[in-house]
Amino acid sequence: MTDTTPLRRAKRPANPIAGPYGHPFHPLLVTIPIGVWVAAFIFDLAAFGSDRPQDFTRGAQWLIAIGLVGAVLAACAGLLDLTRLEAGTKARNTALVHMTLNLVVVALMLGSFLVRLNADKDEVSVGGFILSLLGLLVLAVSGWLGGKLSYHYGVRVADEETQVMGFTETTTAKTTTQTRRR
């Protein structure tokens, strides 16, 4: 099967580093920064109500740092997927907005991390908390666009010919159905 159309090219990996056909790495990798940044936000909330906020603030700072590393890995895989999208298409334009918003998120989270580095370790960094909150809000919009790329435009999703295999009856199911009918 050749990659003759923009749609078919968008479903195929640029190279093996992006993940095999039907199993892209980008959606898997984004769970790292999303998960740890949400956890950092929860740690911040816990720190506001705790009599030992330093335990939670230190944890939140580490989680933000882990998220930054995860974001770089996810971005690399995302860039490989982006190269498969033809210029001028709705999918490419959506992907560029998605990428730009993610860069804003990384900048906000990096700012949050740096503010926290210089903050008093015994208190919650309000500035760091606000930057993280803004980052999560932008991330929600970017995530919605990422979902649109996959679920609406079918970027890096298996071709319909491949998908149809999941909706055909198996030999066992056919046999069971025929047995019930008798």
Protein backbone atom coordinates (compact mmCIF):
# COMPACT_ATOMS: atom_id res chain seq x y z
CA MET A 1 0.00 0.00 0.00
CA THR A 2 1.61 3.25 -1.09
CA ASP A 3 1.35 6.62 0.60
CA THR A 4 -0.27 8.41 -2.32
CA THR A 5 -2.70 10.75 -0.57
CA PRO A 6 -2.24 13.24 2.27
CA LEU A 7 -4.70 11.21 4.38
CA ARG A 8 -2.79 7.96 3.84
CA ARG A 9 0.55 9.67 4.62
CA ALA A 10 -0.89 11.11 7.86
CA LYS A 11 -1.68 7.59 9.06
CA ARG A 12 1.81 6.19 8.47
CA PRO A 13 4.84 6.87 10.68
CA ALA A 14 7.65 9.04 9.36
CA ASN A 15 10.11 6.50 10.76
CA PRO A 16 10.13 3.74 13.41
CA ILE A 17 10.98 6.22 16.19
CA ALA A 18 7.44 7.65 15.83
CA GLY A 19 5.97 4.22 16.58
CA PRO A 20 4.73 1.50 14.26
CA TYR A 21 1.69 1.84 12.04
CA GLY A 22 -1.44 1.96 14.17
CA HIS A 23 0.54 2.45 17.41
CA PRO A 24 1.98 5.98 17.52
CA PHE A 25 4.21 6.89 20.47
CA HIS A 26 3.11 10.53 20.78
CA PRO A 27 -0.27 9.81 22.45
CA LEU A 28 1.45 7.41 24.84
CA LEU A 29 4.18 9.89 25.77
CA VAL A 30 1.84 12.82 26.44
CA THR A 31 0.42 10.94 29.41
CA ILE A 32 3.68 11.58 31.29
CA PRO A 33 3.59 15.39 31.39
CA ILE A 34 -0.20 15.53 31.68
CA GLY A 35 -0.25 13.11 34.60
CA VAL A 36 2.59 14.60 36.59
CA TRP A 37 1.48 18.20 36.01
CA VAL A 38 -2.03 17.39 37.24
CA ALA A 39 -0.45 15.62 40.22
CA ALA A 40 1.73 18.70 40.89
CA PHE A 41 -1.41 20.85 40.89
CA ILE A 42 -3.01 18.50 43.42
CA PHE A 43 0.15 18.63 45.55
CA ASP A 44 -0.08 22.43 45.49
CA LEU A 45 -3.69 22.31 46.64
CA ALA A 46 -2.70 19.91 49.42
CA ALA A 47 0.16 22.21 50.43
CA PHE A 48 -2.23 25.15 50.84
CA GLY A 49 -4.18 23.18 53.43
CA SER A 50 -1.28 21.44 55.13
CA ASP A 51 0.63 22.35 58.26
CA ARG A 52 3.73 20.91 56.53
CA PRO A 53 3.50 22.49 53.06
CA GLN A 54 7.18 21.90 52.32
CA ASP A 55 6.53 18.19 51.78
CA PHE A 56 3.98 18.92 49.07
CA THR A 57 5.80 21.87 47.50
CA ARG A 58 8.95 19.81 47.05
CA GLY A 59 6.91 17.02 45.48
CA ALA A 60 5.15 19.47 43.16
CA GLN A 61 8.47 20.90 42.04
CA TRP A 62 9.84 17.44 41.24
CA LEU A 63 6.67 16.53 39.36
CA ILE A 64 6.89 19.67 37.24
CA ALA A 65 10.52 18.83 36.39
CA ILE A 66 9.55 15.28 35.40
CA GLY A 67 6.76 16.71 33.26
CA LEU A 68 9.21 18.98 31.44
CA VAL A 69 11.37 15.99 30.51
CA GLY A 70 8.29 14.04 29.44
CA ALA A 71 7.09 17.00 27.37
CA VAL A 72 10.36 17.07 25.42
CA LEU A 73 10.01 13.36 24.64
CA ALA A 74 6.36 13.78 23.61
CA ALA A 75 7.26 16.79 21.46
CA CYS A 76 9.90 14.81 19.58
CA ALA A 77 7.38 12.10 18.72
CA GLY A 78 4.78 14.74 17.86
CA LEU A 79 7.18 16.47 15.48
CA LEU A 80 7.69 13.20 13.64
CA ASP A 81 3.93 12.90 13.23
CA LEU A 82 3.71 16.53 12.11
CA THR A 83 6.11 15.89 9.23
CA ARG A 84 3.53 13.53 7.71
CA LEU A 85 0.88 16.25 7.41
CA GLU A 86 0.68 18.14 4.14
CA ALA A 87 0.98 21.94 4.29
CA GLY A 88 -2.26 23.83 3.82
CA THR A 89 -4.51 21.07 5.17
CA LYS A 90 -6.86 21.54 8.14
CA ALA A 91 -5.03 18.75 9.94
CA ARG A 92 -1.65 20.47 9.51
CA ASN A 93 -3.03 23.83 10.64
CA THR A 94 -4.65 22.22 13.67
CA ALA A 95 -1.39 20.43 14.46
CA LEU A 96 0.55 23.70 14.29
CA VAL A 97 -1.86 25.36 16.74
CA HIS A 98 -1.63 22.25 18.96
CA MET A 99 2.18 22.45 18.89
CA THR A 100 2.21 26.20 19.59
CA LEU A 101 -0.09 25.80 22.57
CA ASN A 102 2.11 22.99 23.89
CA LEU A 103 5.15 25.25 23.62
CA VAL A 104 3.25 27.85 25.65
CA VAL A 105 2.45 25.17 28.23
CA VAL A 106 6.11 24.15 28.46
CA ALA A 107 7.13 27.81 28.88
CA LEU A 108 4.55 28.26 31.66
CA MET A 109 5.63 25.08 33.43
CA LEU A 110 9.31 25.98 33.09
CA GLY A 111 8.48 29.39 34.55
CA SER A 112 6.61 27.68 37.38
CA PHE A 113 9.60 25.45 38.06
CA LEU A 114 12.03 28.39 38.10
CA VAL A 115 9.78 30.46 40.37
CA ARG A 116 9.58 27.52 42.74
CA LEU A 117 13.37 27.16 42.78
CA ASN A 118 13.66 30.67 44.19
CA ALA A 119 10.69 30.42 46.56
CA ASP A 120 10.75 29.84 50.30
CA LYS A 121 10.72 26.06 50.77
CA ASP A 122 8.33 26.28 53.73
CA GLU A 123 5.52 27.94 51.78
CA VAL A 124 3.56 27.33 48.64
CA SER A 125 4.80 29.45 45.75
CA VAL A 126 1.69 31.35 44.70
CA GLY A 127 3.42 32.49 41.53
CA GLY A 128 4.44 28.94 40.69
CA PHE A 129 0.91 27.74 41.43
CA ILE A 130 -0.65 30.38 39.14
CA LEU A 131 1.77 29.56 36.31
CA SER A 132 0.95 25.85 36.69
CA LEU A 133 -2.77 26.55 36.69
CA LEU A 134 -2.46 28.64 33.51
CA GLY A 135 -0.36 25.88 31.96
CA LEU A 136 -3.01 23.28 32.74
CA LEU A 137 -5.76 25.46 31.24
CA VAL A 138 -3.80 25.91 28.01
CA LEU A 139 -2.98 22.20 28.07
CA ALA A 140 -6.70 21.37 28.18
CA VAL A 141 -7.28 23.33 24.96
CA SER A 142 -4.23 21.78 23.33
CA GLY A 143 -5.34 18.30 24.39
CA TRP A 144 -8.74 18.90 22.83
CA LEU A 145 -6.99 19.81 19.57
CA GLY A 146 -4.82 16.68 19.85
CA GLY A 147 -7.98 14.63 20.21
CA LYS A 148 -9.41 16.36 17.15
CA LEU A 149 -6.31 15.39 15.19
CA SER A 150 -6.68 11.74 16.12
CA TYR A 151 -10.40 11.19 16.38
CA HIS A 152 -11.74 13.70 13.87
CA TYR A 153 -9.01 13.81 11.24
CA GLY A 154 -7.59 10.32 11.87
CA VAL A 155 -3.94 11.36 12.12
CA ARG A 156 -1.82 8.26 12.88
CA VAL A 157 -5.00 6.17 13.23
CA ALA A 158 -5.16 2.95 11.24
CA ASP A 159 -6.76 3.06 7.79
CA GLU A 160 -10.41 2.19 7.56
CA GLU A 161 -9.47 -1.02 5.73
CA THR A 162 -7.47 -2.06 8.79
CA GLN A 163 -10.17 -0.93 11.22
CA VAL A 164 -12.82 -3.05 9.53
CA MET A 165 -10.99 -6.19 10.71
CA GLY A 166 -12.12 -5.36 14.26
CA PHE A 167 -15.75 -5.48 13.18
CA THR A 168 -15.78 -8.75 11.31
CA GLU A 169 -16.93 -11.88 13.05
CA THR A 170 -14.32 -14.34 14.15
CA THR A 171 -14.60 -18.00 13.17
CA THR A 172 -15.58 -18.89 16.74
CA ALA A 173 -18.31 -16.22 16.80
CA LYS A 174 -19.69 -17.43 13.46
CA THR A 175 -19.75 -21.03 14.70
CA THR A 176 -21.48 -20.03 17.96
CA THR A 177 -24.07 -17.98 16.07
CA GLN A 178 -24.76 -20.80 13.63
CA THR A 179 -25.07 -23.33 16.48
CA ARG A 180 -27.64 -21.13 18.28
CA ARG A 181 -29.73 -20.82 15.12
CA ARG A 182 -30.08 -24.63 14.75
